[in-house]
Amino acid sequence: MRRARVPTHWLFTDERLGGPAPGDPLWAAIHRLPRGGGIVFRHYGLPADQRHALMQSVLALARRRGLLVLGAEIGGTPGGRHLPGHARNRHRPARGLLAAAAHDRRALLQAFRQGADLVFLSPVFPTRSHPGGRVLGPVHFGLAAAGATGPVIALGGMGPERLRRLKPLGASGFAGIDCWLA
């Protein structure tokens, strides 16, 4: 079954992590992910050729470490595809998982109806990447995730200790950026 392979620990990449240089925080964050974890490769701000080259380096390290990589608006990720909230092209990848972003129950349910294998529900807690932004909080996360037909991954201010708090509310795992830098 496709959903049996869904990682519970995820890293979302972005330009704050760097990447082109060997000492950039991206590489340490990838090394902190447990075997069987997942990476959502974004780095939207890079020019296409640099983004593709960085993705190839991430894929190589991920293979060695037993990690799954989903590409967000970039092809060539054998692990599958992540649909950010603004994605227009919602077709299923030829292979691998299809993940989607949601910020409320309606979007979460719609993503599963449209074939998503997992949904990243965010932001659960305040984040450095969206300072002052509206958050779901545990109660609204639980109400949104209730009865979901697939894995719901908590994103936004997350870490292992907050996952323990959200598991009874429907979280199948967690994703983040900063939690992998500490």
N, C-alpha and C. Protein backbone atom coordinates (compact mmCIF):
# COMPACT_ATOMS: atom_id res chain seq x y z
N MET A 1 0.83 -1.18 0.00
CA MET A 1 0.00 0.00 0.00
C MET A 1 0.88 1.25 0.00
N ARG A 2 0.56 2.21 -0.81
CA ARG A 2 1.37 3.41 -0.98
C ARG A 2 1.61 4.13 0.35
N ARG A 3 0.61 4.27 1.18
CA ARG A 3 0.73 5.07 2.40
C ARG A 3 1.60 4.40 3.47
N ALA A 4 1.87 3.13 3.34
CA ALA A 4 2.69 2.44 4.33
C ALA A 4 4.11 2.99 4.36
N ARG A 5 4.54 3.66 3.29
CA ARG A 5 5.91 4.16 3.21
C ARG A 5 6.04 5.63 3.60
N VAL A 6 5.03 6.24 4.14
CA VAL A 6 5.07 7.67 4.45
C VAL A 6 5.96 7.91 5.68
N PRO A 7 7.03 8.68 5.51
CA PRO A 7 7.88 9.00 6.65
C PRO A 7 7.13 9.80 7.72
N THR A 8 7.62 9.71 8.94
CA THR A 8 7.03 10.48 10.04
C THR A 8 7.83 11.73 10.37
N HIS A 9 9.07 11.83 9.89
CA HIS A 9 9.95 12.97 10.16
C HIS A 9 10.36 13.60 8.83
N TRP A 10 10.13 14.92 8.70
CA TRP A 10 10.35 15.61 7.43
C TRP A 10 11.15 16.90 7.61
N LEU A 11 11.98 17.18 6.63
CA LEU A 11 12.69 18.46 6.51
C LEU A 11 12.15 19.18 5.29
N PHE A 12 11.76 20.44 5.45
CA PHE A 12 11.42 21.30 4.32
C PHE A 12 12.65 22.16 4.02
N THR A 13 13.12 22.17 2.80
CA THR A 13 14.28 22.98 2.46
C THR A 13 13.84 24.37 2.00
N ASP A 14 14.71 25.32 2.20
CA ASP A 14 14.54 26.65 1.61
C ASP A 14 15.89 27.36 1.59
N GLU A 15 15.91 28.54 1.03
CA GLU A 15 17.17 29.26 0.85
C GLU A 15 17.85 29.63 2.17
N ARG A 16 17.08 29.72 3.27
CA ARG A 16 17.71 30.03 4.56
C ARG A 16 18.73 28.96 4.96
N LEU A 17 18.55 27.75 4.45
CA LEU A 17 19.47 26.66 4.78
C LEU A 17 20.72 26.67 3.90
N GLY A 18 20.72 27.52 2.88
CA GLY A 18 21.84 27.50 1.95
C GLY A 18 21.79 26.23 1.13
N GLY A 19 22.94 25.72 0.79
CA GLY A 19 22.97 24.47 0.06
C GLY A 19 24.14 24.30 -0.87
N PRO A 20 24.46 25.30 -1.67
CA PRO A 20 25.56 25.10 -2.61
C PRO A 20 26.91 24.84 -1.94
N ALA A 21 27.16 25.46 -0.79
CA ALA A 21 28.46 25.27 -0.12
C ALA A 21 28.40 24.07 0.83
N PRO A 22 29.49 23.31 0.90
CA PRO A 22 29.52 22.11 1.77
C PRO A 22 29.22 22.40 3.24
N GLY A 23 29.54 23.59 3.74
CA GLY A 23 29.31 23.91 5.14
C GLY A 23 27.95 24.53 5.42
N ASP A 24 27.09 24.64 4.41
CA ASP A 24 25.77 25.24 4.62
C ASP A 24 24.92 24.38 5.55
N PRO A 25 24.03 25.00 6.31
CA PRO A 25 23.19 24.27 7.28
C PRO A 25 22.33 23.16 6.67
N LEU A 26 22.02 23.25 5.37
CA LEU A 26 21.21 22.22 4.72
C LEU A 26 21.77 20.83 4.95
N TRP A 27 23.07 20.69 4.80
CA TRP A 27 23.69 19.36 4.87
C TRP A 27 23.65 18.80 6.28
N ALA A 28 23.87 19.64 7.29
CA ALA A 28 23.77 19.18 8.68
C ALA A 28 22.33 18.78 9.00
N ALA A 29 21.35 19.55 8.50
CA ALA A 29 19.93 19.23 8.73
C ALA A 29 19.58 17.88 8.13
N ILE A 30 20.06 17.61 6.93
CA ILE A 30 19.79 16.32 6.29
C ILE A 30 20.41 15.18 7.11
N HIS A 31 21.61 15.41 7.63
CA HIS A 31 22.26 14.37 8.44
C HIS A 31 21.53 14.13 9.76
N ARG A 32 20.78 15.11 10.25
CA ARG A 32 20.04 14.94 11.51
C ARG A 32 18.73 14.16 11.32
N LEU A 33 18.24 14.09 10.10
CA LEU A 33 17.01 13.33 9.84
C LEU A 33 17.26 11.85 10.11
N PRO A 34 16.33 11.18 10.77
CA PRO A 34 16.52 9.74 10.97
C PRO A 34 16.34 8.98 9.66
N ARG A 35 17.00 7.86 9.57
CA ARG A 35 16.84 6.98 8.40
C ARG A 35 15.35 6.72 8.20
N GLY A 36 14.90 6.79 6.95
CA GLY A 36 13.48 6.61 6.66
C GLY A 36 12.70 7.91 6.69
N GLY A 37 13.37 9.02 7.01
CA GLY A 37 12.73 10.32 7.02
C GLY A 37 12.52 10.84 5.60
N GLY A 38 11.95 12.04 5.51
CA GLY A 38 11.66 12.61 4.21
C GLY A 38 12.12 14.05 4.10
N ILE A 39 12.34 14.47 2.86
CA ILE A 39 12.74 15.84 2.55
C ILE A 39 11.77 16.37 1.51
N VAL A 40 11.25 17.57 1.75
CA VAL A 40 10.49 18.29 0.72
C VAL A 40 11.44 19.34 0.19
N PHE A 41 11.92 19.11 -1.04
CA PHE A 41 12.88 20.02 -1.66
C PHE A 41 12.15 21.19 -2.31
N ARG A 42 12.44 22.40 -1.80
CA ARG A 42 11.80 23.61 -2.34
C ARG A 42 12.83 24.52 -2.98
N HIS A 43 13.54 25.32 -2.24
CA HIS A 43 14.54 26.26 -2.77
C HIS A 43 14.01 27.01 -4.00
N TYR A 44 12.80 27.55 -3.88
CA TYR A 44 12.12 28.22 -5.00
C TYR A 44 12.90 29.40 -5.57
N GLY A 45 13.69 30.08 -4.75
CA GLY A 45 14.35 31.31 -5.18
C GLY A 45 15.58 31.12 -6.03
N LEU A 46 16.06 29.91 -6.16
CA LEU A 46 17.26 29.67 -6.97
C LEU A 46 16.91 29.65 -8.45
N PRO A 47 17.83 30.13 -9.29
CA PRO A 47 17.63 29.97 -10.74
C PRO A 47 17.50 28.48 -11.07
N ALA A 48 16.77 28.17 -12.12
CA ALA A 48 16.43 26.78 -12.46
C ALA A 48 17.64 25.86 -12.52
N ASP A 49 18.73 26.29 -13.15
CA ASP A 49 19.90 25.41 -13.29
C ASP A 49 20.54 25.14 -11.93
N GLN A 50 20.63 26.15 -11.07
CA GLN A 50 21.21 25.96 -9.73
C GLN A 50 20.29 25.11 -8.85
N ARG A 51 19.00 25.33 -9.00
CA ARG A 51 18.04 24.55 -8.21
C ARG A 51 18.13 23.08 -8.60
N HIS A 52 18.19 22.79 -9.87
CA HIS A 52 18.29 21.41 -10.33
C HIS A 52 19.60 20.77 -9.85
N ALA A 53 20.72 21.49 -9.93
CA ALA A 53 22.00 20.95 -9.48
C ALA A 53 21.97 20.66 -7.98
N LEU A 54 21.39 21.59 -7.20
CA LEU A 54 21.29 21.37 -5.76
C LEU A 54 20.40 20.17 -5.46
N MET A 55 19.30 20.06 -6.18
CA MET A 55 18.42 18.91 -5.96
C MET A 55 19.16 17.60 -6.23
N GLN A 56 19.99 17.55 -7.26
CA GLN A 56 20.74 16.32 -7.55
C GLN A 56 21.68 15.97 -6.41
N SER A 57 22.30 16.98 -5.80
CA SER A 57 23.18 16.73 -4.65
C SER A 57 22.38 16.23 -3.45
N VAL A 58 21.22 16.83 -3.22
CA VAL A 58 20.35 16.40 -2.12
C VAL A 58 19.90 14.96 -2.36
N LEU A 59 19.51 14.65 -3.58
CA LEU A 59 19.08 13.28 -3.90
C LEU A 59 20.19 12.26 -3.65
N ALA A 60 21.41 12.62 -4.01
CA ALA A 60 22.53 11.69 -3.81
C ALA A 60 22.75 11.42 -2.32
N LEU A 61 22.74 12.47 -1.50
CA LEU A 61 22.91 12.27 -0.06
C LEU A 61 21.72 11.52 0.52
N ALA A 62 20.53 11.85 0.08
CA ALA A 62 19.33 11.19 0.58
C ALA A 62 19.36 9.69 0.29
N ARG A 63 19.80 9.31 -0.89
CA ARG A 63 19.91 7.87 -1.23
C ARG A 63 20.86 7.17 -0.26
N ARG A 64 22.01 7.80 0.00
CA ARG A 64 22.98 7.19 0.91
C ARG A 64 22.44 7.08 2.33
N ARG A 65 21.57 7.99 2.72
CA ARG A 65 21.04 8.02 4.09
C ARG A 65 19.68 7.35 4.23
N GLY A 66 19.13 6.81 3.16
CA GLY A 66 17.83 6.14 3.24
C GLY A 66 16.68 7.10 3.46
N LEU A 67 16.73 8.25 2.80
CA LEU A 67 15.70 9.29 2.93
C LEU A 67 14.90 9.42 1.64
N LEU A 68 13.65 9.77 1.78
CA LEU A 68 12.75 9.99 0.65
C LEU A 68 12.77 11.49 0.31
N VAL A 69 12.79 11.83 -0.97
CA VAL A 69 12.76 13.24 -1.38
C VAL A 69 11.55 13.48 -2.27
N LEU A 70 10.76 14.50 -1.90
CA LEU A 70 9.65 14.96 -2.72
C LEU A 70 10.04 16.32 -3.28
N GLY A 71 9.78 16.52 -4.55
CA GLY A 71 10.07 17.81 -5.17
C GLY A 71 8.85 18.71 -5.16
N ALA A 72 9.05 19.97 -4.83
CA ALA A 72 7.98 20.96 -4.89
C ALA A 72 8.21 21.80 -6.13
N GLU A 73 7.36 21.61 -7.12
CA GLU A 73 7.44 22.35 -8.38
C GLU A 73 8.78 22.16 -9.09
N ILE A 74 9.27 20.93 -9.03
CA ILE A 74 10.48 20.56 -9.75
C ILE A 74 10.36 19.08 -10.09
N GLY A 75 10.72 18.71 -11.28
CA GLY A 75 10.65 17.31 -11.69
C GLY A 75 11.91 16.55 -11.31
N GLY A 76 11.87 15.25 -11.50
CA GLY A 76 13.05 14.43 -11.30
C GLY A 76 13.26 13.91 -9.90
N THR A 77 12.26 13.97 -9.05
CA THR A 77 12.40 13.41 -7.71
C THR A 77 11.66 12.07 -7.67
N PRO A 78 12.40 10.97 -7.63
CA PRO A 78 11.78 9.65 -7.69
C PRO A 78 10.87 9.35 -6.50
N GLY A 79 11.04 10.07 -5.39
CA GLY A 79 10.20 9.82 -4.22
C GLY A 79 8.79 10.34 -4.38
N GLY A 80 8.60 11.28 -5.30
CA GLY A 80 7.28 11.83 -5.54
C GLY A 80 7.27 13.33 -5.62
N ARG A 81 6.10 13.88 -5.32
CA ARG A 81 5.86 15.30 -5.56
C ARG A 81 5.10 15.93 -4.39
N HIS A 82 5.47 17.17 -4.08
CA HIS A 82 4.75 17.95 -3.07
C HIS A 82 4.06 19.11 -3.76
N LEU A 83 2.77 19.27 -3.45
CA LEU A 83 1.99 20.38 -3.99
C LEU A 83 1.86 21.48 -2.95
N PRO A 84 2.58 22.59 -3.13
CA PRO A 84 2.37 23.70 -2.21
C PRO A 84 0.97 24.27 -2.41
N GLY A 85 0.51 25.06 -1.47
CA GLY A 85 -0.83 25.61 -1.55
C GLY A 85 -1.11 26.39 -2.82
N HIS A 86 -0.07 27.00 -3.39
CA HIS A 86 -0.27 27.80 -4.60
C HIS A 86 -0.12 26.99 -5.90
N ALA A 87 0.12 25.69 -5.80
CA ALA A 87 0.35 24.86 -6.99
C ALA A 87 -0.85 24.87 -7.92
N ARG A 88 -0.59 25.01 -9.19
CA ARG A 88 -1.64 24.98 -10.20
C ARG A 88 -1.75 23.60 -10.85
N ASN A 89 -0.60 22.99 -11.09
CA ASN A 89 -0.55 21.69 -11.75
C ASN A 89 -0.66 20.61 -10.67
N ARG A 90 -1.80 19.95 -10.60
CA ARG A 90 -2.06 19.00 -9.52
C ARG A 90 -2.04 17.54 -9.98
N HIS A 91 -1.34 17.23 -11.09
CA HIS A 91 -1.35 15.84 -11.55
C HIS A 91 -0.47 14.96 -10.66
N ARG A 92 -0.83 13.71 -10.62
CA ARG A 92 -0.12 12.71 -9.83
C ARG A 92 1.21 12.38 -10.51
N PRO A 93 2.27 12.23 -9.70
CA PRO A 93 3.55 11.84 -10.30
C PRO A 93 3.47 10.42 -10.86
N ALA A 94 4.32 10.13 -11.83
CA ALA A 94 4.33 8.80 -12.43
C ALA A 94 4.69 7.73 -11.40
N ARG A 95 5.51 8.11 -10.44
CA ARG A 95 5.88 7.18 -9.36
C ARG A 95 6.06 7.98 -8.08
N GLY A 96 6.01 7.29 -6.97
CA GLY A 96 6.22 7.94 -5.68
C GLY A 96 4.95 8.51 -5.09
N LEU A 97 5.13 9.21 -3.99
CA LEU A 97 4.03 9.78 -3.23
C LEU A 97 3.60 11.15 -3.76
N LEU A 98 2.35 11.47 -3.49
CA LEU A 98 1.84 12.80 -3.77
C LEU A 98 1.46 13.42 -2.43
N ALA A 99 2.12 14.53 -2.09
CA ALA A 99 1.85 15.25 -0.84
C ALA A 99 1.25 16.59 -1.18
N ALA A 100 0.46 17.13 -0.27
CA ALA A 100 -0.16 18.43 -0.48
C ALA A 100 -0.08 19.25 0.80
N ALA A 101 -0.14 20.56 0.63
CA ALA A 101 -0.17 21.48 1.76
C ALA A 101 -1.60 21.90 2.03
N ALA A 102 -1.95 22.06 3.30
CA ALA A 102 -3.27 22.55 3.68
C ALA A 102 -3.14 23.42 4.92
N HIS A 103 -4.04 24.39 5.03
CA HIS A 103 -4.01 25.29 6.18
C HIS A 103 -5.33 25.26 6.96
N ASP A 104 -6.25 24.40 6.54
CA ASP A 104 -7.52 24.25 7.25
C ASP A 104 -8.13 22.90 6.87
N ARG A 105 -9.22 22.55 7.54
CA ARG A 105 -9.88 21.26 7.32
C ARG A 105 -10.39 21.10 5.89
N ARG A 106 -10.99 22.15 5.35
CA ARG A 106 -11.54 22.08 4.00
C ARG A 106 -10.45 21.71 2.99
N ALA A 107 -9.31 22.41 3.07
CA ALA A 107 -8.21 22.13 2.14
C ALA A 107 -7.61 20.75 2.35
N LEU A 108 -7.56 20.31 3.61
CA LEU A 108 -7.03 18.98 3.92
C LEU A 108 -7.92 17.90 3.31
N LEU A 109 -9.21 17.99 3.52
CA LEU A 109 -10.13 17.00 2.96
C LEU A 109 -10.12 17.01 1.44
N GLN A 110 -10.05 18.20 0.87
CA GLN A 110 -9.99 18.31 -0.59
C GLN A 110 -8.72 17.66 -1.15
N ALA A 111 -7.61 17.86 -0.47
CA ALA A 111 -6.35 17.25 -0.93
C ALA A 111 -6.45 15.73 -0.96
N PHE A 112 -7.01 15.14 0.09
CA PHE A 112 -7.17 13.68 0.09
C PHE A 112 -8.16 13.23 -0.98
N ARG A 113 -9.25 13.97 -1.19
CA ARG A 113 -10.21 13.63 -2.26
C ARG A 113 -9.55 13.68 -3.64
N GLN A 114 -8.58 14.57 -3.81
CA GLN A 114 -7.89 14.70 -5.09
C GLN A 114 -6.72 13.75 -5.24
N GLY A 115 -6.54 12.84 -4.28
CA GLY A 115 -5.54 11.79 -4.43
C GLY A 115 -4.26 11.94 -3.67
N ALA A 116 -4.14 12.92 -2.78
CA ALA A 116 -2.92 13.06 -2.00
C ALA A 116 -2.73 11.84 -1.11
N ASP A 117 -1.49 11.40 -0.97
CA ASP A 117 -1.14 10.29 -0.09
C ASP A 117 -0.91 10.77 1.34
N LEU A 118 -0.53 12.03 1.49
CA LEU A 118 -0.32 12.64 2.79
C LEU A 118 -0.52 14.14 2.64
N VAL A 119 -0.84 14.79 3.78
CA VAL A 119 -1.05 16.23 3.77
C VAL A 119 -0.26 16.85 4.91
N PHE A 120 0.45 17.93 4.58
CA PHE A 120 1.14 18.74 5.57
C PHE A 120 0.17 19.83 6.01
N LEU A 121 -0.25 19.80 7.28
CA LEU A 121 -1.20 20.77 7.81
C LEU A 121 -0.43 21.79 8.64
N SER A 122 -0.59 23.07 8.28
CA SER A 122 0.22 24.11 8.93
C SER A 122 -0.48 25.46 8.89
N PRO A 123 0.09 26.42 9.64
CA PRO A 123 1.10 26.26 10.69
C PRO A 123 0.44 25.92 12.01
N VAL A 124 1.00 24.95 12.69
CA VAL A 124 0.43 24.52 13.97
C VAL A 124 0.85 25.49 15.07
N PHE A 125 2.12 25.84 15.11
CA PHE A 125 2.66 26.75 16.12
C PHE A 125 3.39 27.89 15.41
N PRO A 126 3.72 28.96 16.14
CA PRO A 126 4.47 30.07 15.52
C PRO A 126 5.80 29.57 14.94
N THR A 127 6.19 30.19 13.84
CA THR A 127 7.44 29.81 13.18
C THR A 127 8.28 31.04 12.89
N ARG A 128 9.57 30.80 12.77
CA ARG A 128 10.50 31.87 12.40
C ARG A 128 10.30 32.27 10.94
N SER A 129 9.84 31.33 10.12
CA SER A 129 9.68 31.63 8.70
C SER A 129 8.42 32.45 8.41
N HIS A 130 7.46 32.47 9.35
CA HIS A 130 6.25 33.28 9.19
C HIS A 130 5.95 34.00 10.51
N PRO A 131 6.84 34.92 10.91
CA PRO A 131 6.66 35.57 12.21
C PRO A 131 5.35 36.35 12.27
N GLY A 132 4.65 36.18 13.38
CA GLY A 132 3.39 36.90 13.58
C GLY A 132 2.22 36.35 12.81
N GLY A 133 2.42 35.27 12.07
CA GLY A 133 1.34 34.68 11.28
C GLY A 133 0.32 33.96 12.14
N ARG A 134 -0.88 33.79 11.61
CA ARG A 134 -1.94 33.07 12.30
C ARG A 134 -1.57 31.59 12.38
N VAL A 135 -1.79 30.97 13.54
CA VAL A 135 -1.48 29.55 13.73
C VAL A 135 -2.74 28.79 14.09
N LEU A 136 -2.71 27.49 13.82
CA LEU A 136 -3.84 26.63 14.15
C LEU A 136 -3.92 26.36 15.65
N GLY A 137 -2.80 26.07 16.26
CA GLY A 137 -2.79 25.61 17.64
C GLY A 137 -3.23 24.15 17.70
N PRO A 138 -2.98 23.47 18.81
CA PRO A 138 -3.30 22.05 18.91
C PRO A 138 -4.78 21.73 18.71
N VAL A 139 -5.67 22.53 19.29
CA VAL A 139 -7.10 22.21 19.19
C VAL A 139 -7.59 22.28 17.75
N HIS A 140 -7.27 23.36 17.06
CA HIS A 140 -7.72 23.48 15.66
C HIS A 140 -7.01 22.48 14.75
N PHE A 141 -5.76 22.15 15.08
CA PHE A 141 -5.09 21.09 14.33
C PHE A 141 -5.89 19.80 14.47
N GLY A 142 -6.24 19.44 15.70
CA GLY A 142 -6.99 18.21 15.94
C GLY A 142 -8.34 18.20 15.27
N LEU A 143 -9.04 19.32 15.28
CA LEU A 143 -10.35 19.41 14.61
C LEU A 143 -10.19 19.25 13.10
N ALA A 144 -9.14 19.84 12.55
CA ALA A 144 -8.91 19.74 11.10
C ALA A 144 -8.51 18.33 10.70
N ALA A 145 -7.70 17.66 11.52
CA ALA A 145 -7.17 16.33 11.18
C ALA A 145 -8.16 15.21 11.47
N ALA A 146 -9.18 15.47 12.26
CA ALA A 146 -10.13 14.42 12.67
C ALA A 146 -10.75 13.72 11.47
N GLY A 147 -10.64 12.41 11.45
CA GLY A 147 -11.26 11.62 10.39
C GLY A 147 -10.56 11.68 9.05
N ALA A 148 -9.35 12.22 9.00
CA ALA A 148 -8.62 12.28 7.72
C ALA A 148 -8.43 10.87 7.18
N THR A 149 -8.47 10.74 5.87
CA THR A 149 -8.35 9.43 5.23
C THR A 149 -6.92 9.02 4.95
N GLY A 150 -5.96 9.84 5.36
CA GLY A 150 -4.55 9.53 5.17
C GLY A 150 -3.72 10.24 6.21
N PRO A 151 -2.40 10.05 6.16
CA PRO A 151 -1.52 10.66 7.14
C PRO A 151 -1.54 12.19 7.08
N VAL A 152 -1.65 12.79 8.26
CA VAL A 152 -1.59 14.25 8.40
C VAL A 152 -0.29 14.57 9.13
N ILE A 153 0.57 15.34 8.48
CA ILE A 153 1.87 15.69 9.03
C ILE A 153 1.81 17.13 9.54
N ALA A 154 2.12 17.32 10.81
CA ALA A 154 2.08 18.65 11.43
C ALA A 154 3.32 19.45 11.02
N LEU A 155 3.10 20.68 10.60
CA LEU A 155 4.17 21.56 10.15
C LEU A 155 3.99 22.92 10.81
N GLY A 156 5.10 23.53 11.20
CA GLY A 156 5.06 24.86 11.78
C GLY A 156 5.39 24.85 13.26
N GLY A 157 6.65 25.21 13.59
CA GLY A 157 7.06 25.25 14.98
C GLY A 157 7.16 23.88 15.62
N MET A 158 7.36 22.88 14.81
CA MET A 158 7.31 21.50 15.29
C MET A 158 8.67 20.95 15.70
N GLY A 159 8.60 19.85 16.42
CA GLY A 159 9.75 19.07 16.85
C GLY A 159 9.22 17.80 17.48
N PRO A 160 10.08 16.88 17.89
CA PRO A 160 9.62 15.61 18.45
C PRO A 160 8.72 15.76 19.67
N GLU A 161 9.03 16.71 20.56
CA GLU A 161 8.22 16.87 21.76
C GLU A 161 6.81 17.37 21.43
N ARG A 162 6.69 18.23 20.45
CA ARG A 162 5.35 18.70 20.06
C ARG A 162 4.59 17.62 19.30
N LEU A 163 5.30 16.75 18.58
CA LEU A 163 4.63 15.64 17.91
C LEU A 163 3.96 14.74 18.94
N ARG A 164 4.64 14.45 20.05
CA ARG A 164 4.04 13.62 21.10
C ARG A 164 2.72 14.23 21.58
N ARG A 165 2.67 15.53 21.66
CA ARG A 165 1.46 16.23 22.09
C ARG A 165 0.35 16.16 21.04
N LEU A 166 0.72 16.14 19.76
CA LEU A 166 -0.26 16.17 18.67
C LEU A 166 -0.69 14.79 18.17
N LYS A 167 0.07 13.75 18.48
CA LYS A 167 -0.30 12.40 18.01
C LYS A 167 -1.72 12.01 18.40
N PRO A 168 -2.13 12.24 19.66
CA PRO A 168 -3.51 11.88 20.01
C PRO A 168 -4.56 12.71 19.27
N LEU A 169 -4.12 13.81 18.66
CA LEU A 169 -5.03 14.70 17.93
C LEU A 169 -5.03 14.43 16.43
N GLY A 170 -4.30 13.40 16.00
CA GLY A 170 -4.33 13.02 14.59
C GLY A 170 -3.05 13.23 13.80
N ALA A 171 -1.98 13.67 14.43
CA ALA A 171 -0.72 13.86 13.71
C ALA A 171 -0.03 12.51 13.47
N SER A 172 0.33 12.26 12.23
CA SER A 172 1.06 11.04 11.88
C SER A 172 2.56 11.25 11.90
N GLY A 173 2.97 12.51 11.93
CA GLY A 173 4.38 12.85 11.91
C GLY A 173 4.52 14.36 11.96
N PHE A 174 5.77 14.83 11.80
CA PHE A 174 6.01 16.28 11.83
C PHE A 174 7.03 16.66 10.78
N ALA A 175 6.99 17.94 10.42
CA ALA A 175 7.92 18.49 9.45
C ALA A 175 8.39 19.85 9.96
N GLY A 176 9.55 20.25 9.53
CA GLY A 176 10.05 21.55 9.92
C GLY A 176 11.32 21.91 9.21
N ILE A 177 11.81 23.08 9.56
CA ILE A 177 13.09 23.57 9.06
C ILE A 177 14.01 23.72 10.26
N ASP A 178 13.67 24.65 11.13
CA ASP A 178 14.54 24.97 12.27
C ASP A 178 14.76 23.81 13.24
N CYS A 179 13.78 22.93 13.37
CA CYS A 179 13.94 21.81 14.31
C CYS A 179 15.10 20.89 13.94
N TRP A 180 15.53 20.93 12.69
CA TRP A 180 16.63 20.08 12.25
C TRP A 180 17.97 20.81 12.31
N LEU A 181 17.96 22.07 12.74
CA LEU A 181 19.19 22.84 12.81
C LEU A 181 19.82 22.80 14.20
N ALA A 182 19.04 22.50 15.23
CA ALA A 182 19.53 22.54 16.61
C ALA A 182 20.46 21.39 16.90
